[in-house]
Structure formats: structure tokens, C-alpha cells
Amino acid sequence: QVQLVESGGGLVQAGESLRLSCAASGFTFNRHTMAWYRQAPGKEREFVARITWNGGDDTYAPSVKGRFTITRDNAKNTVSLQMNNLKPEDTAVYYCAARNRVDVGGDYPYWGQGTLVTVSS
């Protein structure tokens, strides 16, 4: 059974940092691209960051580039999102997602339950 469990969300002030983690199980982690998405209240879910199966390449949304860093540990089946210089507009539920590494550009079939990040001004 595939499971993605996010943790690390919370309430912070603008300019502070948070680190989100996602623990994966039930599939071959090192054969999957991992990503973070977020959904703010009243808005559609949006892409945040993605990292390839071996950590060799990462991609970021323009709104977070330079502030957020995605990493993975294939030995521990975890993916993390380091978020620095947080802004109120970063407030959202953050979701971890996975797709097979050969499914380039495809949908993510596996999703976590999300963790809430709230940034106060």
C-alpha cells in the first residue's frame, strides 16, 4: 500500500523558515520522481518543486525559486522541502506527490494527506 506522510508544517512569521518532510512507503522510492504541491484557501493546487529519482535535477515554481530547496534521501525514502524567507502568500496546505520516473510530464498518481503551513505577516 502506497503511503506518503508529510510532516513539519506549522505557524511561522514572515521571513522565518520551515522544513517539510515526506516519508514514503509501499513503492520503489528510487524509481520515482518526487514533488511538492500546495493549495491555498480558495485557490487551485499549484506546483512548488520537483526532484528527479536520483536527485540529479530539480525544478521550482518561479514564486519559490531561490527561497525553497527540495532534496531527497533514497536510503531513507524521504523527500524534504526547505522553505526560507517565508511570505504570507506561501500559506497553504503542502502536499507530497510521486510518479514513476519514466512517466515524464504525466500526472502524479500518489499523494499525501498534506501539511498546513501558515505564515503570518
C-alpha atoms as a PDB file:
ATOM      1  CA  GLN A   1       0.000   0.000   0.000  1.00  0.00           C
ATOM      2  CA  VAL A   2       1.442   3.324  -1.084  1.00  0.00           C
ATOM      3  CA  GLN A   3       1.782   5.894   1.665  1.00  0.00           C
ATOM      4  CA  LEU A   4       3.132   9.424   1.628  1.00  0.00           C
ATOM      5  CA  VAL A   5       3.123  11.109   5.015  1.00  0.00           C
ATOM      6  CA  GLU A   6       4.013  14.784   5.283  1.00  0.00           C
ATOM      7  CA  SER A   7       5.191  16.499   8.430  1.00  0.00           C
ATOM      8  CA  GLY A   8       6.766  19.742   9.558  1.00  0.00           C
ATOM      9  CA  GLY A   9       4.030  22.254   8.879  1.00  0.00           C
ATOM     10  CA  GLY A  10       3.121  24.962  11.348  1.00  0.00           C
ATOM     11  CA  LEU A  11       2.668  28.646  12.044  1.00  0.00           C
ATOM     12  CA  VAL A  12       5.599  30.980  11.440  1.00  0.00           C
ATOM     13  CA  GLN A  13       6.159  34.667  10.899  1.00  0.00           C
ATOM     14  CA  ALA A  14       7.159  36.202   7.609  1.00  0.00           C
ATOM     15  CA  GLY A  15      10.884  35.845   6.991  1.00  0.00           C
ATOM     16  CA  GLU A  16      11.223  32.674   9.021  1.00  0.00           C
ATOM     17  CA  SER A  17      11.952  29.153   7.813  1.00  0.00           C
ATOM     18  CA  LEU A  18      10.310  25.740   7.904  1.00  0.00           C
ATOM     19  CA  ARG A  19      11.376  22.309   6.725  1.00  0.00           C
ATOM     20  CA  LEU A  20       8.755  19.892   5.456  1.00  0.00           C
ATOM     21  CA  SER A  21       9.389  16.179   5.213  1.00  0.00           C
ATOM     22  CA  CYS A  22       7.589  13.374   3.433  1.00  0.00           C
ATOM     23  CA  ALA A  23       8.068   9.733   4.351  1.00  0.00           C
ATOM     24  CA  ALA A  24       7.291   7.294   1.545  1.00  0.00           C
ATOM     25  CA  SER A  25       6.444   3.595   1.665  1.00  0.00           C
ATOM     26  CA  GLY A  26       4.772   0.935  -0.420  1.00  0.00           C
ATOM     27  CA  PHE A  27       6.608   1.617  -3.673  1.00  0.00           C
ATOM     28  CA  THR A  28      10.148   1.683  -5.028  1.00  0.00           C
ATOM     29  CA  PHE A  29      11.140   5.157  -3.945  1.00  0.00           C
ATOM     30  CA  ASN A  30      14.288   5.471  -6.047  1.00  0.00           C
ATOM     31  CA  ARG A  31      12.315   4.824  -9.216  1.00  0.00           C
ATOM     32  CA  HIS A  32      10.020   7.763  -8.654  1.00  0.00           C
ATOM     33  CA  THR A  33      10.135  11.472  -9.277  1.00  0.00           C
ATOM     34  CA  MET A  34       9.012  13.316  -6.165  1.00  0.00           C
ATOM     35  CA  ALA A  35       7.271  16.671  -5.990  1.00  0.00           C
ATOM     36  CA  TRP A  36       5.699  19.181  -3.667  1.00  0.00           C
ATOM     37  CA  TYR A  37       2.464  20.952  -4.478  1.00  0.00           C
ATOM     38  CA  ARG A  38       0.429  23.401  -2.429  1.00  0.00           C
ATOM     39  CA  GLN A  39      -3.119  24.632  -2.231  1.00  0.00           C
ATOM     40  CA  ALA A  40      -4.012  27.941  -0.669  1.00  0.00           C
ATOM     41  CA  PRO A  41      -7.517  28.641   0.644  1.00  0.00           C
ATOM     42  CA  GLY A  42      -9.890  29.279  -2.233  1.00  0.00           C
ATOM     43  CA  LYS A  43      -7.256  28.563  -4.867  1.00  0.00           C
ATOM     44  CA  GLU A  44      -6.322  25.665  -7.090  1.00  0.00           C
ATOM     45  CA  ARG A  45      -3.483  23.353  -6.229  1.00  0.00           C
ATOM     46  CA  GLU A  46      -0.195  24.532  -7.714  1.00  0.00           C
ATOM     47  CA  PHE A  47       3.215  23.066  -8.385  1.00  0.00           C
ATOM     48  CA  VAL A  48       6.008  24.033  -5.992  1.00  0.00           C
ATOM     49  CA  ALA A  49       9.060  21.861  -6.685  1.00  0.00           C
ATOM     50  CA  ARG A  50      10.143  18.574  -8.227  1.00  0.00           C
ATOM     51  CA  ILE A  51      13.221  16.373  -7.927  1.00  0.00           C
ATOM     52  CA  THR A  52      14.269  13.518 -10.161  1.00  0.00           C
ATOM     53  CA  TRP A  53      14.662   9.944  -8.956  1.00  0.00           C
ATOM     54  CA  ASN A  54      18.366  10.298  -8.233  1.00  0.00           C
ATOM     55  CA  GLY A  55      18.309  13.902  -7.039  1.00  0.00           C
ATOM     56  CA  GLY A  56      20.249  14.958 -10.100  1.00  0.00           C
ATOM     57  CA  ASP A  57      17.828  17.636 -11.220  1.00  0.00           C
ATOM     58  CA  ASP A  58      15.278  19.845  -9.563  1.00  0.00           C
ATOM     59  CA  THR A  59      12.699  22.324 -10.775  1.00  0.00           C
ATOM     60  CA  TYR A  60      10.909  25.114  -8.950  1.00  0.00           C
ATOM     61  CA  ALA A  61       7.943  27.360  -9.419  1.00  0.00           C
ATOM     62  CA  PRO A  62       9.072  30.944 -10.091  1.00  0.00           C
ATOM     63  CA  SER A  63       7.358  32.114  -6.914  1.00  0.00           C
ATOM     64  CA  VAL A  64       9.603  29.965  -4.690  1.00  0.00           C
ATOM     65  CA  LYS A  65      12.836  29.728  -6.691  1.00  0.00           C
ATOM     66  CA  GLY A  66      15.761  30.904  -4.607  1.00  0.00           C
ATOM     67  CA  ARG A  67      13.837  30.505  -1.338  1.00  0.00           C
ATOM     68  CA  PHE A  68      12.833  26.831  -1.344  1.00  0.00           C
ATOM     69  CA  THR A  69      15.054  23.767  -1.800  1.00  0.00           C
ATOM     70  CA  ILE A  70      13.860  20.231  -2.475  1.00  0.00           C
ATOM     71  CA  THR A  71      16.068  17.296  -1.513  1.00  0.00           C
ATOM     72  CA  ARG A  72      15.660  13.554  -1.192  1.00  0.00           C
ATOM     73  CA  ASP A  73      17.297  10.702   0.668  1.00  0.00           C
ATOM     74  CA  ASN A  74      16.815   7.457  -1.209  1.00  0.00           C
ATOM     75  CA  ALA A  75      18.308   5.461   1.645  1.00  0.00           C
ATOM     76  CA  LYS A  76      15.589   6.733   3.982  1.00  0.00           C
ATOM     77  CA  ASN A  77      12.752   7.030   1.432  1.00  0.00           C
ATOM     78  CA  THR A  78      12.200  10.659   2.291  1.00  0.00           C
ATOM     79  CA  VAL A  79      11.867  13.907   0.417  1.00  0.00           C
ATOM     80  CA  SER A  80      12.148  17.306   2.073  1.00  0.00           C
ATOM     81  CA  LEU A  81      11.337  20.893   1.282  1.00  0.00           C
ATOM     82  CA  GLN A  82      13.416  23.558   2.984  1.00  0.00           C
ATOM     83  CA  MET A  83      11.498  26.819   2.926  1.00  0.00           C
ATOM     84  CA  ASN A  84      13.347  30.023   3.753  1.00  0.00           C
ATOM     85  CA  ASN A  85      12.252  33.641   3.861  1.00  0.00           C
ATOM     86  CA  LEU A  86       8.623  32.602   4.030  1.00  0.00           C
ATOM     87  CA  LYS A  87       5.964  35.054   2.916  1.00  0.00           C
ATOM     88  CA  PRO A  88       2.262  35.272   3.825  1.00  0.00           C
ATOM     89  CA  GLU A  89       1.449  34.187   0.265  1.00  0.00           C
ATOM     90  CA  ASP A  90       3.183  30.877   0.978  1.00  0.00           C
ATOM     91  CA  THR A  91       0.328  29.984   3.338  1.00  0.00           C
ATOM     92  CA  ALA A  92      -1.196  26.751   2.058  1.00  0.00           C
ATOM     93  CA  VAL A  93      -1.597  23.051   2.581  1.00  0.00           C
ATOM     94  CA  TYR A  94       1.533  21.416   1.181  1.00  0.00           C
ATOM     95  CA  TYR A  95       1.300  18.015  -0.467  1.00  0.00           C
ATOM     96  CA  CYS A  96       3.950  15.455  -1.319  1.00  0.00           C
ATOM     97  CA  ALA A  97       3.449  13.550  -4.591  1.00  0.00           C
ATOM     98  CA  ALA A  98       5.147  10.751  -6.511  1.00  0.00           C
ATOM     99  CA  ARG A  99       5.169   9.413 -10.059  1.00  0.00           C
ATOM    100  CA  ASN A 100       7.226   6.806 -11.850  1.00  0.00           C
ATOM    101  CA  ARG A 101      10.459   8.266 -13.217  1.00  0.00           C
ATOM    102  CA  VAL A 102       9.651   7.095 -16.760  1.00  0.00           C
ATOM    103  CA  ASP A 103       6.329   8.943 -16.746  1.00  0.00           C
ATOM    104  CA  VAL A 104       7.858  12.275 -17.710  1.00  0.00           C
ATOM    105  CA  GLY A 105       5.268  15.030 -17.709  1.00  0.00           C
ATOM    106  CA  GLY A 106       2.499  12.756 -16.535  1.00  0.00           C
ATOM    107  CA  ASP A 107       0.128  13.071 -13.618  1.00  0.00           C
ATOM    108  CA  TYR A 108       1.150  12.142 -10.099  1.00  0.00           C
ATOM    109  CA  PRO A 109      -0.806   9.076  -9.009  1.00  0.00           C
ATOM    110  CA  TYR A 110       0.381   9.095  -5.407  1.00  0.00           C
ATOM    111  CA  TRP A 111      -0.380  11.882  -2.935  1.00  0.00           C
ATOM    112  CA  GLY A 112      -0.010  12.514   0.754  1.00  0.00           C
ATOM    113  CA  GLN A 113      -2.657  13.973   3.030  1.00  0.00           C
ATOM    114  CA  GLY A 114      -0.970  17.362   3.271  1.00  0.00           C
ATOM    115  CA  THR A 115       0.509  19.532   5.988  1.00  0.00           C
ATOM    116  CA  LEU A 116      -0.594  23.076   6.727  1.00  0.00           C
ATOM    117  CA  VAL A 117       1.838  25.963   6.573  1.00  0.00           C
ATOM    118  CA  THR A 118       0.648  29.314   7.847  1.00  0.00           C
ATOM    119  CA  VAL A 119       2.801  32.419   7.500  1.00  0.00           C
ATOM    120  CA  SER A 120       1.748  35.492   9.425  1.00  0.00           C
ATOM    121  CA  SER A 121       2.743  38.997   8.410  1.00  0.00           C
END
